[in-house]
Amino acid sequence: MKVSNIVLAQAAEAAGNINPGLAAIGYGLGAVGPGIGVGLIWAAVINGTARQPEAQGQLQGIAWISFVLVEVLALIGLVVYFIASAA
């Protein structure tokens, strides 16, 4: 148990020494995933609406919920960037 505490303490100390430029690159790479996700969500809505126009309302509701969940990931990445760059 003591060894794991030492390892966690060393990891926390190393995480505090992140270069702000490196944090910006990390956030930029982290924002790629949500960007791709949003594109896939709305592409699926357009495709589904083209196939079944009567299902547009249901598809849009599902798409907005999915969009919000994906964007939360980008916001979490932004918060982590500010935390890492402030250290």
PDB file of N, CA and C in Angstrom:
ATOM      1  N   MET A   1       0.816  -1.185   0.000  1.00  0.00           N
ATOM      2  CA  MET A   1       0.000   0.000   0.000  1.00  0.00           C
ATOM      3  C   MET A   1       0.869   1.261   0.000  1.00  0.00           C
ATOM      4  N   LYS A   2       1.976   1.223   0.701  1.00  0.00           N
ATOM      5  CA  LYS A   2       2.857   2.392   0.737  1.00  0.00           C
ATOM      6  C   LYS A   2       3.491   2.667  -0.618  1.00  0.00           C
ATOM      7  N   VAL A   3       3.810   1.611  -1.347  1.00  0.00           N
ATOM      8  CA  VAL A   3       4.444   1.789  -2.648  1.00  0.00           C
ATOM      9  C   VAL A   3       3.484   2.495  -3.597  1.00  0.00           C
ATOM     10  N   SER A   4       2.202   2.129  -3.564  1.00  0.00           N
ATOM     11  CA  SER A   4       1.238   2.774  -4.460  1.00  0.00           C
ATOM     12  C   SER A   4       1.067   4.247  -4.110  1.00  0.00           C
ATOM     13  N   ASN A   5       1.120   4.592  -2.832  1.00  0.00           N
ATOM     14  CA  ASN A   5       1.026   5.998  -2.433  1.00  0.00           C
ATOM     15  C   ASN A   5       2.224   6.789  -2.932  1.00  0.00           C
ATOM     16  N   ILE A   6       3.396   6.182  -2.890  1.00  0.00           N
ATOM     17  CA  ILE A   6       4.603   6.854  -3.374  1.00  0.00           C
ATOM     18  C   ILE A   6       4.518   7.063  -4.876  1.00  0.00           C
ATOM     19  N   VAL A   7       4.039   6.051  -5.579  1.00  0.00           N
ATOM     20  CA  VAL A   7       3.910   6.158  -7.033  1.00  0.00           C
ATOM     21  C   VAL A   7       2.900   7.235  -7.395  1.00  0.00           C
ATOM     22  N   LEU A   8       1.768   7.284  -6.683  1.00  0.00           N
ATOM     23  CA  LEU A   8       0.770   8.312  -6.955  1.00  0.00           C
ATOM     24  C   LEU A   8       1.309   9.709  -6.655  1.00  0.00           C
ATOM     25  N   ALA A   9       2.075   9.843  -5.578  1.00  0.00           N
ATOM     26  CA  ALA A   9       2.663  11.138  -5.242  1.00  0.00           C
ATOM     27  C   ALA A   9       3.648  11.584  -6.318  1.00  0.00           C
ATOM     28  N   GLN A  10       4.445  10.655  -6.843  1.00  0.00           N
ATOM     29  CA  GLN A  10       5.387  10.997  -7.899  1.00  0.00           C
ATOM     30  C   GLN A  10       4.652  11.384  -9.183  1.00  0.00           C
ATOM     31  N   ALA A  11       3.564  10.690  -9.486  1.00  0.00           N
ATOM     32  CA  ALA A  11       2.789  11.012 -10.686  1.00  0.00           C
ATOM     33  C   ALA A  11       2.144  12.386 -10.559  1.00  0.00           C
ATOM     34  N   ALA A  12       1.641  12.714  -9.375  1.00  0.00           N
ATOM     35  CA  ALA A  12       1.030  14.026  -9.161  1.00  0.00           C
ATOM     36  C   ALA A  12       2.071  15.135  -9.270  1.00  0.00           C
ATOM     37  N   GLU A  13       3.263  14.893  -8.764  1.00  0.00           N
ATOM     38  CA  GLU A  13       4.338  15.887  -8.856  1.00  0.00           C
ATOM     39  C   GLU A  13       4.757  16.090 -10.305  1.00  0.00           C
ATOM     40  N   ALA A  14       4.838  15.008 -11.060  1.00  0.00           N
ATOM     41  CA  ALA A  14       5.226  15.108 -12.467  1.00  0.00           C
ATOM     42  C   ALA A  14       4.144  15.805 -13.286  1.00  0.00           C
ATOM     43  N   ALA A  15       2.876  15.602 -12.932  1.00  0.00           N
ATOM     44  CA  ALA A  15       1.783  16.245 -13.671  1.00  0.00           C
ATOM     45  C   ALA A  15       1.785  17.748 -13.462  1.00  0.00           C
ATOM     46  N   GLY A  16       2.300  18.211 -12.334  1.00  0.00           N
ATOM     47  CA  GLY A  16       2.350  19.639 -12.065  1.00  0.00           C
ATOM     48  C   GLY A  16       3.417  20.359 -12.864  1.00  0.00           C
ATOM     49  N   ASN A  17       4.329  19.643 -13.479  1.00  0.00           N
ATOM     50  CA  ASN A  17       5.435  20.246 -14.220  1.00  0.00           C
ATOM     51  C   ASN A  17       5.209  20.229 -15.730  1.00  0.00           C
ATOM     52  N   ILE A  18       3.968  20.392 -16.157  1.00  0.00           N
ATOM     53  CA  ILE A  18       3.658  20.359 -17.593  1.00  0.00           C
ATOM     54  C   ILE A  18       3.894  21.739 -18.193  1.00  0.00           C
ATOM     55  N   ASN A  19       4.580  21.771 -19.291  1.00  0.00           N
ATOM     56  CA  ASN A  19       4.809  23.006 -20.028  1.00  0.00           C
ATOM     57  C   ASN A  19       3.474  23.503 -20.593  1.00  0.00           C
ATOM     58  N   PRO A  20       3.153  24.803 -20.499  1.00  0.00           N
ATOM     59  CA  PRO A  20       1.883  25.303 -21.042  1.00  0.00           C
ATOM     60  C   PRO A  20       1.739  25.051 -22.545  1.00  0.00           C
ATOM     61  N   GLY A  21       2.840  25.104 -23.277  1.00  0.00           N
ATOM     62  CA  GLY A  21       2.759  24.807 -24.708  1.00  0.00           C
ATOM     63  C   GLY A  21       2.378  23.357 -24.962  1.00  0.00           C
ATOM     64  N   LEU A  22       2.912  22.472 -24.136  1.00  0.00           N
ATOM     65  CA  LEU A  22       2.559  21.061 -24.247  1.00  0.00           C
ATOM     66  C   LEU A  22       1.095  20.840 -23.879  1.00  0.00           C
ATOM     67  N   ALA A  23       0.607  21.594 -22.900  1.00  0.00           N
ATOM     68  CA  ALA A  23      -0.804  21.496 -22.525  1.00  0.00           C
ATOM     69  C   ALA A  23      -1.697  21.957 -23.677  1.00  0.00           C
ATOM     70  N   ALA A  24      -1.274  23.000 -24.401  1.00  0.00           N
ATOM     71  CA  ALA A  24      -2.056  23.490 -25.540  1.00  0.00           C
ATOM     72  C   ALA A  24      -2.098  22.457 -26.657  1.00  0.00           C
ATOM     73  N   ILE A  25      -0.978  21.809 -26.904  1.00  0.00           N
ATOM     74  CA  ILE A  25      -0.953  20.755 -27.929  1.00  0.00           C
ATOM     75  C   ILE A  25      -1.850  19.601 -27.509  1.00  0.00           C
ATOM     76  N   GLY A  26      -1.812  19.254 -26.234  1.00  0.00           N
ATOM     77  CA  GLY A  26      -2.675  18.184 -25.737  1.00  0.00           C
ATOM     78  C   GLY A  26      -4.141  18.519 -25.881  1.00  0.00           C
ATOM     79  N   TYR A  27      -4.510  19.774 -25.591  1.00  0.00           N
ATOM     80  CA  TYR A  27      -5.915  20.157 -25.760  1.00  0.00           C
ATOM     81  C   TYR A  27      -6.298  20.154 -27.231  1.00  0.00           C
ATOM     82  N   GLY A  28      -5.406  20.612 -28.085  1.00  0.00           N
ATOM     83  CA  GLY A  28      -5.708  20.603 -29.518  1.00  0.00           C
ATOM     84  C   GLY A  28      -5.951  19.198 -30.031  1.00  0.00           C
ATOM     85  N   LEU A  29      -5.137  18.255 -29.570  1.00  0.00           N
ATOM     86  CA  LEU A  29      -5.355  16.864 -29.970  1.00  0.00           C
ATOM     87  C   LEU A  29      -6.630  16.306 -29.331  1.00  0.00           C
ATOM     88  N   GLY A  30      -6.921  16.755 -28.112  1.00  0.00           N
ATOM     89  CA  GLY A  30      -8.135  16.301 -27.431  1.00  0.00           C
ATOM     90  C   GLY A  30      -9.400  16.861 -28.054  1.00  0.00           C
ATOM     91  N   ALA A  31      -9.307  17.987 -28.738  1.00  0.00           N
ATOM     92  CA  ALA A  31     -10.477  18.589 -29.372  1.00  0.00           C
ATOM     93  C   ALA A  31     -10.793  17.941 -30.717  1.00  0.00           C
ATOM     94  N   VAL A  32      -9.876  17.176 -31.253  1.00  0.00           N
ATOM     95  CA  VAL A  32     -10.111  16.518 -32.537  1.00  0.00           C
ATOM     96  C   VAL A  32     -11.229  15.483 -32.410  1.00  0.00           C
ATOM     97  N   GLY A  33     -11.224  14.717 -31.319  1.00  0.00           N
ATOM     98  CA  GLY A  33     -12.236  13.674 -31.121  1.00  0.00           C
ATOM     99  C   GLY A  33     -13.647  14.220 -31.091  1.00  0.00           C
ATOM    100  N   PRO A  34     -13.941  15.227 -30.265  1.00  0.00           N
ATOM    101  CA  PRO A  34     -15.288  15.800 -30.282  1.00  0.00           C
ATOM    102  C   PRO A  34     -15.655  16.423 -31.626  1.00  0.00           C
ATOM    103  N   GLY A  35     -14.679  17.002 -32.311  1.00  0.00           N
ATOM    104  CA  GLY A  35     -14.971  17.567 -33.632  1.00  0.00           C
ATOM    105  C   GLY A  35     -15.409  16.497 -34.617  1.00  0.00           C
ATOM    106  N   ILE A  36     -14.718  15.382 -34.607  1.00  0.00           N
ATOM    107  CA  ILE A  36     -15.109  14.264 -35.474  1.00  0.00           C
ATOM    108  C   ILE A  36     -16.458  13.716 -35.042  1.00  0.00           C
ATOM    109  N   GLY A  37     -16.672  13.619 -33.725  1.00  0.00           N
ATOM    110  CA  GLY A  37     -17.944  13.104 -33.207  1.00  0.00           C
ATOM    111  C   GLY A  37     -19.125  13.950 -33.633  1.00  0.00           C
ATOM    112  N   VAL A  38     -18.993  15.268 -33.563  1.00  0.00           N
ATOM    113  CA  VAL A  38     -20.085  16.155 -33.965  1.00  0.00           C
ATOM    114  C   VAL A  38     -20.379  15.982 -35.451  1.00  0.00           C
ATOM    115  N   GLY A  39     -19.335  15.884 -36.255  1.00  0.00           N
ATOM    116  CA  GLY A  39     -19.547  15.664 -37.685  1.00  0.00           C
ATOM    117  C   GLY A  39     -20.271  14.360 -37.971  1.00  0.00           C
ATOM    118  N   LEU A  40     -19.904  13.308 -37.267  1.00  0.00           N
ATOM    119  CA  LEU A  40     -20.571  12.019 -37.470  1.00  0.00           C
ATOM    120  C   LEU A  40     -22.029  12.049 -37.010  1.00  0.00           C
ATOM    121  N   ILE A  41     -22.291  12.750 -35.913  1.00  0.00           N
ATOM    122  CA  ILE A  41     -23.666  12.839 -35.406  1.00  0.00           C
ATOM    123  C   ILE A  41     -24.566  13.505 -36.435  1.00  0.00           C
ATOM    124  N   TRP A  42     -24.161  14.673 -36.919  1.00  0.00           N
ATOM    125  CA  TRP A  42     -25.032  15.397 -37.839  1.00  0.00           C
ATOM    126  C   TRP A  42     -25.068  14.743 -39.219  1.00  0.00           C
ATOM    127  N   ALA A  43     -23.998  14.052 -39.606  1.00  0.00           N
ATOM    128  CA  ALA A  43     -24.048  13.297 -40.863  1.00  0.00           C
ATOM    129  C   ALA A  43     -25.076  12.175 -40.774  1.00  0.00           C
ATOM    130  N   ALA A  44     -25.151  11.538 -39.601  1.00  0.00           N
ATOM    131  CA  ALA A  44     -26.134  10.476 -39.415  1.00  0.00           C
ATOM    132  C   ALA A  44     -27.555  11.036 -39.425  1.00  0.00           C
ATOM    133  N   VAL A  45     -27.749  12.228 -38.867  1.00  0.00           N
ATOM    134  CA  VAL A  45     -29.083  12.847 -38.886  1.00  0.00           C
ATOM    135  C   VAL A  45     -29.491  13.183 -40.312  1.00  0.00           C
ATOM    136  N   ILE A  46     -28.586  13.741 -41.074  1.00  0.00           N
ATOM    137  CA  ILE A  46     -28.901  14.078 -42.467  1.00  0.00           C
ATOM    138  C   ILE A  46     -29.209  12.819 -43.267  1.00  0.00           C
ATOM    139  N   ASN A  47     -28.406  11.783 -43.052  1.00  0.00           N
ATOM    140  CA  ASN A  47     -28.619  10.523 -43.762  1.00  0.00           C
ATOM    141  C   ASN A  47     -29.956   9.899 -43.361  1.00  0.00           C
ATOM    142  N   GLY A  48     -30.249   9.887 -42.071  1.00  0.00           N
ATOM    143  CA  GLY A  48     -31.512   9.309 -41.609  1.00  0.00           C
ATOM    144  C   GLY A  48     -32.721  10.092 -42.076  1.00  0.00           C
ATOM    145  N   THR A  49     -32.606  11.417 -42.112  1.00  0.00           N
ATOM    146  CA  THR A  49     -33.716  12.257 -42.582  1.00  0.00           C
ATOM    147  C   THR A  49     -33.934  12.067 -44.076  1.00  0.00           C
ATOM    148  N   ALA A  50     -32.867  11.870 -44.816  1.00  0.00           N
ATOM    149  CA  ALA A  50     -33.006  11.629 -46.254  1.00  0.00           C
ATOM    150  C   ALA A  50     -33.694  10.294 -46.512  1.00  0.00           C
ATOM    151  N   ARG A  51     -33.458   9.310 -45.653  1.00  0.00           N
ATOM    152  CA  ARG A  51     -34.072   7.995 -45.835  1.00  0.00           C
ATOM    153  C   ARG A  51     -35.508   7.954 -45.321  1.00  0.00           C
ATOM    154  N   GLN A  52     -35.768   8.599 -44.176  1.00  0.00           N
ATOM    155  CA  GLN A  52     -37.111   8.616 -43.589  1.00  0.00           C
ATOM    156  C   GLN A  52     -37.424  10.022 -43.098  1.00  0.00           C
ATOM    157  N   PRO A  53     -37.981  10.848 -43.946  1.00  0.00           N
ATOM    158  CA  PRO A  53     -38.256  12.237 -43.558  1.00  0.00           C
ATOM    159  C   PRO A  53     -39.215  12.359 -42.365  1.00  0.00           C
ATOM    160  N   GLU A  54     -40.087  11.384 -42.174  1.00  0.00           N
ATOM    161  CA  GLU A  54     -41.038  11.468 -41.059  1.00  0.00           C
ATOM    162  C   GLU A  54     -40.367  11.265 -39.700  1.00  0.00           C
ATOM    163  N   ALA A  55     -39.155  10.751 -39.677  1.00  0.00           N
ATOM    164  CA  ALA A  55     -38.435  10.517 -38.414  1.00  0.00           C
ATOM    165  C   ALA A  55     -37.508  11.671 -38.056  1.00  0.00           C
ATOM    166  N   GLN A  56     -37.631  12.803 -38.752  1.00  0.00           N
ATOM    167  CA  GLN A  56     -36.705  13.910 -38.533  1.00  0.00           C
ATOM    168  C   GLN A  56     -36.756  14.440 -37.103  1.00  0.00           C
ATOM    169  N   GLY A  57     -37.923  14.592 -36.541  1.00  0.00           N
ATOM    170  CA  GLY A  57     -38.036  15.125 -35.186  1.00  0.00           C
ATOM    171  C   GLY A  57     -37.355  14.247 -34.152  1.00  0.00           C
ATOM    172  N   GLN A  58     -37.584  12.951 -34.241  1.00  0.00           N
ATOM    173  CA  GLN A  58     -36.957  12.023 -33.294  1.00  0.00           C
ATOM    174  C   GLN A  58     -35.439  11.996 -33.480  1.00  0.00           C
ATOM    175  N   LEU A  59     -34.997  12.002 -34.721  1.00  0.00           N
ATOM    176  CA  LEU A  59     -33.558  11.990 -34.988  1.00  0.00           C
ATOM    177  C   LEU A  59     -32.884  13.260 -34.470  1.00  0.00           C
ATOM    178  N   GLN A  60     -33.553  14.398 -34.619  1.00  0.00           N
ATOM    179  CA  GLN A  60     -32.954  15.650 -34.150  1.00  0.00           C
ATOM    180  C   GLN A  60     -32.854  15.685 -32.637  1.00  0.00           C
ATOM    181  N   GLY A  61     -33.854  15.140 -31.949  1.00  0.00           N
ATOM    182  CA  GLY A  61     -33.793  15.083 -30.491  1.00  0.00           C
ATOM    183  C   GLY A  61     -32.627  14.247 -30.006  1.00  0.00           C
ATOM    184  N   ILE A  62     -32.457  13.085 -30.610  1.00  0.00           N
ATOM    185  CA  ILE A  62     -31.340  12.213 -30.255  1.00  0.00           C
ATOM    186  C   ILE A  62     -30.010  12.892 -30.600  1.00  0.00           C
ATOM    187  N   ALA A  63     -29.984  13.591 -31.737  1.00  0.00           N
ATOM    188  CA  ALA A  63     -28.742  14.249 -32.162  1.00  0.00           C
ATOM    189  C   ALA A  63     -28.344  15.356 -31.197  1.00  0.00           C
ATOM    190  N   TRP A  64     -29.303  16.143 -30.714  1.00  0.00           N
ATOM    191  CA  TRP A  64     -28.954  17.232 -29.789  1.00  0.00           C
ATOM    192  C   TRP A  64     -28.418  16.685 -28.471  1.00  0.00           C
ATOM    193  N   ILE A  65     -29.011  15.607 -27.985  1.00  0.00           N
ATOM    194  CA  ILE A  65     -28.517  15.000 -26.746  1.00  0.00           C
ATOM    195  C   ILE A  65     -27.097  14.473 -26.952  1.00  0.00           C
ATOM    196  N   SER A  66     -26.875  13.801 -28.067  1.00  0.00           N
ATOM    197  CA  SER A  66     -25.539  13.281 -28.365  1.00  0.00           C
ATOM    198  C   SER A  66     -24.535  14.412 -28.555  1.00  0.00           C
ATOM    199  N   PHE A  67     -24.966  15.483 -29.208  1.00  0.00           N
ATOM    200  CA  PHE A  67     -24.106  16.645 -29.426  1.00  0.00           C
ATOM    201  C   PHE A  67     -23.649  17.245 -28.098  1.00  0.00           C
ATOM    202  N   VAL A  68     -24.578  17.364 -27.164  1.00  0.00           N
ATOM    203  CA  VAL A  68     -24.236  17.929 -25.852  1.00  0.00           C
ATOM    204  C   VAL A  68     -23.232  17.028 -25.134  1.00  0.00           C
ATOM    205  N   LEU A  69     -23.438  15.725 -25.179  1.00  0.00           N
ATOM    206  CA  LEU A  69     -22.514  14.812 -24.513  1.00  0.00           C
ATOM    207  C   LEU A  69     -21.112  14.878 -25.113  1.00  0.00           C
ATOM    208  N   VAL A  70     -21.035  15.004 -26.422  1.00  0.00           N
ATOM    209  CA  VAL A  70     -19.734  15.084 -27.078  1.00  0.00           C
ATOM    210  C   VAL A  70     -19.048  16.412 -26.763  1.00  0.00           C
ATOM    211  N   GLU A  71     -19.812  17.489 -26.735  1.00  0.00           N
ATOM    212  CA  GLU A  71     -19.220  18.790 -26.451  1.00  0.00           C
ATOM    213  C   GLU A  71     -18.748  18.905 -25.009  1.00  0.00           C
ATOM    214  N   VAL A  72     -19.376  18.170 -24.095  1.00  0.00           N
ATOM    215  CA  VAL A  72     -18.917  18.167 -22.707  1.00  0.00           C
ATOM    216  C   VAL A  72     -17.484  17.632 -22.644  1.00  0.00           C
ATOM    217  N   LEU A  73     -17.167  16.663 -23.486  1.00  0.00           N
ATOM    218  CA  LEU A  73     -15.797  16.148 -23.517  1.00  0.00           C
ATOM    219  C   LEU A  73     -14.811  17.236 -23.928  1.00  0.00           C
ATOM    220  N   ALA A  74     -15.202  18.057 -24.897  1.00  0.00           N
ATOM    221  CA  ALA A  74     -14.320  19.153 -25.314  1.00  0.00           C
ATOM    222  C   ALA A  74     -14.170  20.177 -24.193  1.00  0.00           C
ATOM    223  N   LEU A  75     -15.233  20.456 -23.464  1.00  0.00           N
ATOM    224  CA  LEU A  75     -15.143  21.405 -22.355  1.00  0.00           C
ATOM    225  C   LEU A  75     -14.281  20.873 -21.221  1.00  0.00           C
ATOM    226  N   ILE A  76     -14.371  19.572 -20.966  1.00  0.00           N
ATOM    227  CA  ILE A  76     -13.509  18.973 -19.941  1.00  0.00           C
ATOM    228  C   ILE A  76     -12.050  19.109 -20.359  1.00  0.00           C
ATOM    229  N   GLY A  77     -11.773  18.909 -21.634  1.00  0.00           N
ATOM    230  CA  GLY A  77     -10.407  19.091 -22.133  1.00  0.00           C
ATOM    231  C   GLY A  77      -9.931  20.528 -21.967  1.00  0.00           C
ATOM    232  N   LEU A  78     -10.828  21.496 -22.167  1.00  0.00           N
ATOM    233  CA  LEU A  78     -10.471  22.896 -21.992  1.00  0.00           C
ATOM    234  C   LEU A  78     -10.153  23.204 -20.532  1.00  0.00           C
ATOM    235  N   VAL A  79     -10.938  22.651 -19.626  1.00  0.00           N
ATOM    236  CA  VAL A  79     -10.687  22.849 -18.200  1.00  0.00           C
ATOM    237  C   VAL A  79      -9.340  22.233 -17.801  1.00  0.00           C
ATOM    238  N   VAL A  80      -9.070  21.044 -18.303  1.00  0.00           N
ATOM    239  CA  VAL A  80      -7.793  20.390 -17.992  1.00  0.00           C
ATOM    240  C   VAL A  80      -6.631  21.225 -18.561  1.00  0.00           C
ATOM    241  N   TYR A  81      -6.820  21.823 -19.720  1.00  0.00           N
ATOM    242  CA  TYR A  81      -5.775  22.689 -20.284  1.00  0.00           C
ATOM    243  C   TYR A  81      -5.489  23.857 -19.362  1.00  0.00           C
ATOM    244  N   PHE A  82      -6.550  24.523 -18.868  1.00  0.00           N
ATOM    245  CA  PHE A  82      -6.333  25.672 -17.989  1.00  0.00           C
ATOM    246  C   PHE A  82      -5.686  25.259 -16.677  1.00  0.00           C
ATOM    247  N   ILE A  83      -6.061  24.103 -16.169  1.00  0.00           N
ATOM    248  CA  ILE A  83      -5.430  23.617 -14.946  1.00  0.00           C
ATOM    249  C   ILE A  83      -3.957  23.322 -15.176  1.00  0.00           C
ATOM    250  N   ALA A  84      -3.649  22.687 -16.303  1.00  0.00           N
ATOM    251  CA  ALA A  84      -2.259  22.326 -16.587  1.00  0.00           C
ATOM    252  C   ALA A  84      -1.410  23.565 -16.888  1.00  0.00           C
ATOM    253  N   SER A  85      -1.979  24.557 -17.562  1.00  0.00           N
ATOM    254  CA  SER A  85      -1.188  25.727 -17.900  1.00  0.00           C
ATOM    255  C   SER A  85      -1.022  26.687 -16.728  1.00  0.00           C
ATOM    256  N   ALA A  86      -1.881  26.594 -15.728  1.00  0.00           N
ATOM    257  CA  ALA A  86      -1.769  27.476 -14.566  1.00  0.00           C
ATOM    258  C   ALA A  86      -0.714  26.972 -13.578  1.00  0.00           C
ATOM    259  N   ALA A  87      -0.382  25.708 -13.681  1.00  0.00           N
ATOM    260  CA  ALA A  87       0.557  25.134 -12.697  1.00  0.00           C
ATOM    261  C   ALA A  87       1.969  25.604 -12.927  1.00  0.00           C
TER     262      ALA A  87
END
